[in-house]
Structure formats: C-alpha cells, structure tokens
Protein backbone atom coordinates (compact mmCIF):
# COMPACT_ATOMS: atom_id res chain seq x y z
CA MET A 1 15.97 -21.53 -20.04
CA LYS A 2 15.23 -19.48 -23.14
CA LYS A 3 16.11 -22.77 -25.22
CA SER A 4 13.96 -25.32 -23.72
CA PHE A 5 11.15 -22.96 -23.30
CA LEU A 6 11.67 -21.94 -27.10
CA LEU A 7 11.52 -26.07 -27.68
CA ILE A 8 8.38 -26.82 -25.55
CA SER A 9 6.92 -23.80 -27.18
CA LEU A 10 7.16 -25.41 -31.08
CA LEU A 11 6.79 -29.15 -29.91
CA PHE A 12 3.14 -27.11 -28.36
CA LEU A 13 2.38 -25.33 -31.83
CA PHE A 14 3.39 -27.89 -33.95
CA THR A 15 1.31 -30.84 -31.97
CA SER A 16 -1.96 -28.25 -32.04
CA LEU A 17 -1.48 -27.22 -35.47
CA HIS A 18 -1.59 -31.02 -36.27
CA ALA A 19 -4.96 -32.27 -34.68
CA LYS A 20 -5.65 -35.86 -35.72
CA VAL A 21 -8.90 -35.27 -37.90
CA GLN A 22 -10.99 -39.10 -37.05
CA TYR A 23 -14.27 -40.16 -37.72
CA VAL A 24 -17.38 -41.27 -34.99
CA GLU A 25 -17.80 -45.15 -35.56
CA LYS A 26 -21.17 -45.17 -33.75
CA THR A 27 -22.81 -42.47 -31.71
CA ILE A 28 -20.53 -41.14 -29.16
CA GLN A 29 -21.47 -38.99 -25.30
CA ALA A 30 -19.88 -35.49 -25.15
CA TYR A 31 -19.31 -34.36 -21.71
CA SER A 32 -19.07 -29.80 -20.13
CA ASN A 33 -15.24 -31.14 -19.45
CA GLN A 34 -13.32 -34.07 -18.73
CA ALA A 35 -14.11 -34.77 -15.65
CA ASP A 36 -17.79 -35.07 -15.91
CA THR A 37 -19.79 -37.94 -16.10
CA LYS A 38 -22.90 -36.38 -16.61
CA LEU A 39 -23.99 -36.80 -20.20
CA SER A 40 -23.98 -32.75 -22.23
CA GLY A 41 -24.54 -34.21 -25.35
CA LYS A 42 -24.21 -36.52 -28.84
CA ILE A 43 -21.35 -36.87 -31.78
CA LEU A 44 -23.73 -39.12 -34.32
CA THR A 45 -22.35 -41.40 -36.37
CA THR A 46 -19.56 -40.18 -39.90
CA THR A 47 -19.43 -36.81 -38.17
CA PRO A 48 -15.34 -35.41 -38.52
CA LEU A 49 -13.59 -34.57 -36.11
CA GLU A 50 -9.80 -33.85 -34.94
CA VAL A 51 -8.76 -35.05 -31.42
CA LEU A 52 -7.07 -32.35 -30.02
CA LYS A 53 -5.55 -34.35 -26.43
CA VAL A 54 -6.42 -37.36 -24.89
CA GLU A 55 -6.48 -37.57 -21.17
CA GLY A 56 -7.23 -40.97 -19.88
CA ASP A 57 -10.48 -42.52 -21.09
CA LYS A 58 -11.17 -39.27 -22.76
CA ALA A 59 -10.20 -37.17 -25.52
CA LEU A 60 -10.71 -32.71 -26.05
CA THR A 61 -12.29 -32.63 -29.50
CA LYS A 62 -12.95 -30.05 -32.34
CA ILE A 63 -16.16 -30.37 -34.28
CA THR A 64 -16.35 -27.83 -37.29
CA GLY A 65 -20.33 -27.53 -39.20
CA TRP A 66 -22.89 -25.06 -39.57
CA ASN A 67 -26.00 -24.06 -37.18
CA GLN A 68 -28.81 -21.93 -37.89
CA GLY A 69 -30.05 -19.36 -36.43
CA SER A 70 -29.66 -18.57 -32.69
CA LEU A 71 -29.87 -22.63 -31.89
CA LYS A 72 -26.55 -23.17 -30.91
CA ARG A 73 -27.14 -26.92 -29.68
CA ILE A 74 -27.66 -28.29 -32.83
CA VAL A 75 -24.66 -28.38 -35.25
CA TYR A 76 -25.12 -29.57 -38.95
CA PHE A 77 -22.60 -31.18 -41.16
CA SER A 78 -23.26 -28.47 -44.28
CA LYS A 79 -25.37 -25.56 -44.61
CA GLY A 80 -28.75 -25.70 -45.68
CA THR A 81 -29.62 -29.49 -44.80
CA ARG A 82 -30.54 -31.46 -41.96
CA ILE A 83 -27.71 -33.56 -41.60
CA ILE A 84 -26.96 -33.57 -37.75
CA SER A 85 -23.42 -33.59 -36.27
CA ALA A 86 -23.75 -33.08 -33.02
CA ALA A 87 -26.61 -32.12 -30.63
CA PHE A 88 -25.81 -30.61 -26.81
CA SER A 89 -27.77 -30.23 -23.71
CA LYS A 90 -29.70 -27.16 -23.22
CA LYS A 91 -27.42 -27.03 -20.24
CA ALA A 92 -24.13 -28.33 -21.72
CA GLN A 93 -20.93 -25.99 -21.02
CA TYR A 94 -18.41 -26.15 -24.44
CA LYS A 95 -16.08 -23.68 -25.90
CA TYR A 96 -18.00 -22.08 -29.14
CA LYS A 97 -17.23 -20.25 -32.08
CA VAL A 98 -18.54 -19.05 -34.98
CA LEU A 99 -16.62 -18.50 -37.92
CA GLU A 100 -19.12 -17.15 -40.70
CA THR A 101 -21.88 -16.38 -41.03
CA ASP A 102 -24.48 -16.70 -44.08
CA ALA A 103 -27.25 -14.15 -43.86
CA THR A 104 -29.05 -14.83 -47.44
CA GLY A 105 -32.16 -16.58 -45.85
CA LYS A 106 -34.31 -16.13 -43.46
CA GLU A 107 -32.42 -17.18 -40.43
CA PRO A 108 -28.57 -17.10 -40.58
CA TRP A 109 -26.59 -19.95 -40.71
CA HIS A 110 -23.48 -19.87 -38.98
CA LYS A 111 -20.45 -21.82 -39.87
CA VAL A 112 -18.82 -22.87 -36.10
CA GLU A 113 -16.16 -24.37 -34.35
CA ILE A 114 -17.15 -26.65 -31.00
CA THR A 115 -14.39 -27.91 -28.63
CA THR A 116 -16.48 -30.50 -25.65
CA TRP A 117 -14.87 -33.33 -24.71
CA ILE A 118 -16.38 -36.86 -25.72
CA GLU A 119 -15.49 -40.80 -24.73
CA ASN A 120 -12.00 -41.54 -26.21
CA LYS A 121 -13.72 -44.38 -28.61
CA ASN A 122 -15.86 -45.40 -31.56
CA LEU A 123 -13.12 -43.43 -33.57
CA ILE A 124 -11.52 -44.67 -37.28
CA ASP A 125 -9.20 -42.72 -39.62
CA ASP A 126 -10.77 -43.48 -42.83
CA ILE A 127 -13.85 -42.38 -43.32
CA ASP A 128 -14.59 -44.91 -46.46
CA VAL A 129 -14.87 -47.89 -43.98
CA LEU A 130 -17.85 -46.47 -42.60
CA PHE A 131 -18.90 -45.37 -46.46
CA VAL A 132 -18.55 -48.92 -48.03
CA LYS A 133 -19.70 -50.76 -44.86
CA ALA A 134 -22.99 -48.22 -45.02
CA LYS A 135 -23.42 -48.67 -48.65
CA ASN A 136 -23.32 -52.27 -48.33
CA ILE A 137 -26.04 -53.10 -45.43
CA LEU A 138 -27.78 -50.01 -48.01
CA GLU A 139 -28.15 -52.48 -50.73
CA THR A 140 -28.60 -55.72 -49.39
CA ASN A 141 -31.38 -54.79 -46.99
CA CYS A 142 -32.99 -51.99 -49.12
CA GLY A 143 -33.28 -54.34 -52.96
CA LEU A 144 -34.66 -57.82 -50.50
CA CYS A 145 -38.67 -55.58 -51.03
CA HIS A 146 -37.84 -53.20 -54.08
CA ALA A 147 -35.34 -51.95 -56.40
CA ALA A 148 -32.69 -50.38 -53.86
CA HIS A 149 -33.29 -46.73 -53.93
CA PRO A 150 -29.76 -44.85 -55.11
CA THR A 151 -28.88 -42.80 -52.88
CA HIS A 152 -28.64 -39.50 -55.62
CA GLU A 153 -32.56 -39.72 -56.08
CA PHE A 154 -33.24 -38.36 -52.57
CA SER A 155 -32.11 -34.92 -51.64
CA ALA A 156 -30.75 -34.99 -47.71
CA ASN A 157 -33.14 -33.27 -46.17
CA GLN A 158 -35.79 -36.20 -48.28
CA TRP A 159 -33.31 -39.29 -46.64
CA PRO A 160 -34.62 -39.48 -42.92
CA ALA A 161 -38.13 -39.75 -43.91
CA VAL A 162 -37.59 -42.30 -45.98
CA ILE A 163 -35.50 -44.19 -44.03
CA LYS A 164 -37.84 -44.12 -40.70
CA GLY A 165 -40.64 -45.68 -43.14
CA MET A 166 -38.54 -48.57 -44.26
CA ALA A 167 -36.16 -49.13 -41.26
CA PRO A 168 -38.67 -50.66 -39.36
CA ARG A 169 -39.49 -53.72 -42.09
CA THR A 170 -35.55 -54.69 -41.66
CA PRO A 171 -33.84 -56.64 -39.37
CA LEU A 172 -31.39 -53.81 -38.48
CA THR A 173 -30.27 -51.91 -35.68
CA LYS A 174 -30.99 -49.00 -34.65
CA ASP A 175 -27.13 -47.51 -34.67
CA GLU A 176 -27.02 -49.53 -38.68
CA ILE A 177 -30.15 -46.67 -39.49
CA LEU A 178 -27.90 -43.52 -38.47
CA LEU A 179 -25.02 -45.40 -40.06
CA ILE A 180 -27.40 -45.69 -43.29
CA SER A 181 -29.58 -42.22 -43.12
CA GLN A 182 -25.51 -40.74 -43.03
CA TYR A 183 -24.18 -42.06 -45.49
CA ALA A 184 -27.22 -42.31 -48.47
CA GLN A 185 -26.94 -37.64 -46.72
CA LYS A 186 -24.38 -37.19 -47.49
CA HIS A 187 -24.47 -38.52 -50.82
CA SER A 188 -27.84 -37.28 -52.17
CA LYS A 189 -28.94 -35.18 -54.74
CA ASP A 190 -27.88 -31.83 -53.27
C-alpha cells in the first residue's frame, strides 16, 4: 500500500514538474472552470502557456506574465510594455499568484501566474512557426506601398498604433493583424 502511494505520488510530482509549454496559435477563450460554457477571458496569439492537464475539450493552463498596479485582469508579456497576453472579464474566476513585484515606477509591476481553463485547441509546440508566418505576412503586405519597416524601428508600445493605421489598407484578417502585431512587438527595439 505504501509503495503504491509513493509510486503514484512520484508519478504525479514528475508529471506536474514537466508541464508542457505550448503557444497560442489563434486567440482562444478562457473559462472559470472546466465545466463552464461562459467565456471569462481571452488568451492572445503567441502567448506561451503551460498545459497542466487536459479534460475533454478543455485544458487547465498556467500563464506567466506581468500586470501593473491593482489591475489583475490584464496580463502583459513583459514588464513595462503593452504586449497583451491575456485579458479577463471582471467576473472571471482564476487562480492568481504574485511571483515578484517591481515598485520602481509610478505603479508597481507584478510578475504573476494565472491558472485558468481554456479551449484545448489552437496550441502549437514551436513559437518559431508563428514568427516565420508573421514575418512573411508583414514583409509581403507591408512592403507593397512602401518599404517594409524593420521590427526594431519602433518600440513595443508603438507597434499597435502603426499596424492599426495601416491594417485597413490591406486584405489581412483580424487574426493575421493580431499575429503581426504580436510579432512586431516581441521583436521591437526594446
């Protein structure tokens, strides 16, 4: 009995320590619990997350990122930039844990872990697949009317406005626009 318990405990520990990191290929919906059908948030394309367990068509995931001040609903990719990884409704319920705090600015930045349920789809193992696709879309569509801007020409916080201003002049879908925005921000000069 003790050996079985020990073996099961070790198996659980090994499995939990080796959660699989995947990336969001297309924006996916988040839920407060596994059985929930009501949307509680969205996880944006290129966001890295750990899949902790899968049950049916949903997966329990952990997202690590940053938020600022008391606003816990928005998770940013990195401290000091507006690269949004996830956004949750005011009524969303999820596990929230502060890992560290940087209080050097006007409002403190908190490195956080959020555990939430998602639709178990649109996840890929290799972020480079998305970045190659985004780079190709950016170069193909943003070099037709003018020379394509290199991603390091603008800061992470400038790229969304640049893309928003140019997007209506292109045949790009909403998903493609979000993908190139995330790519440009994550490859910006800062």
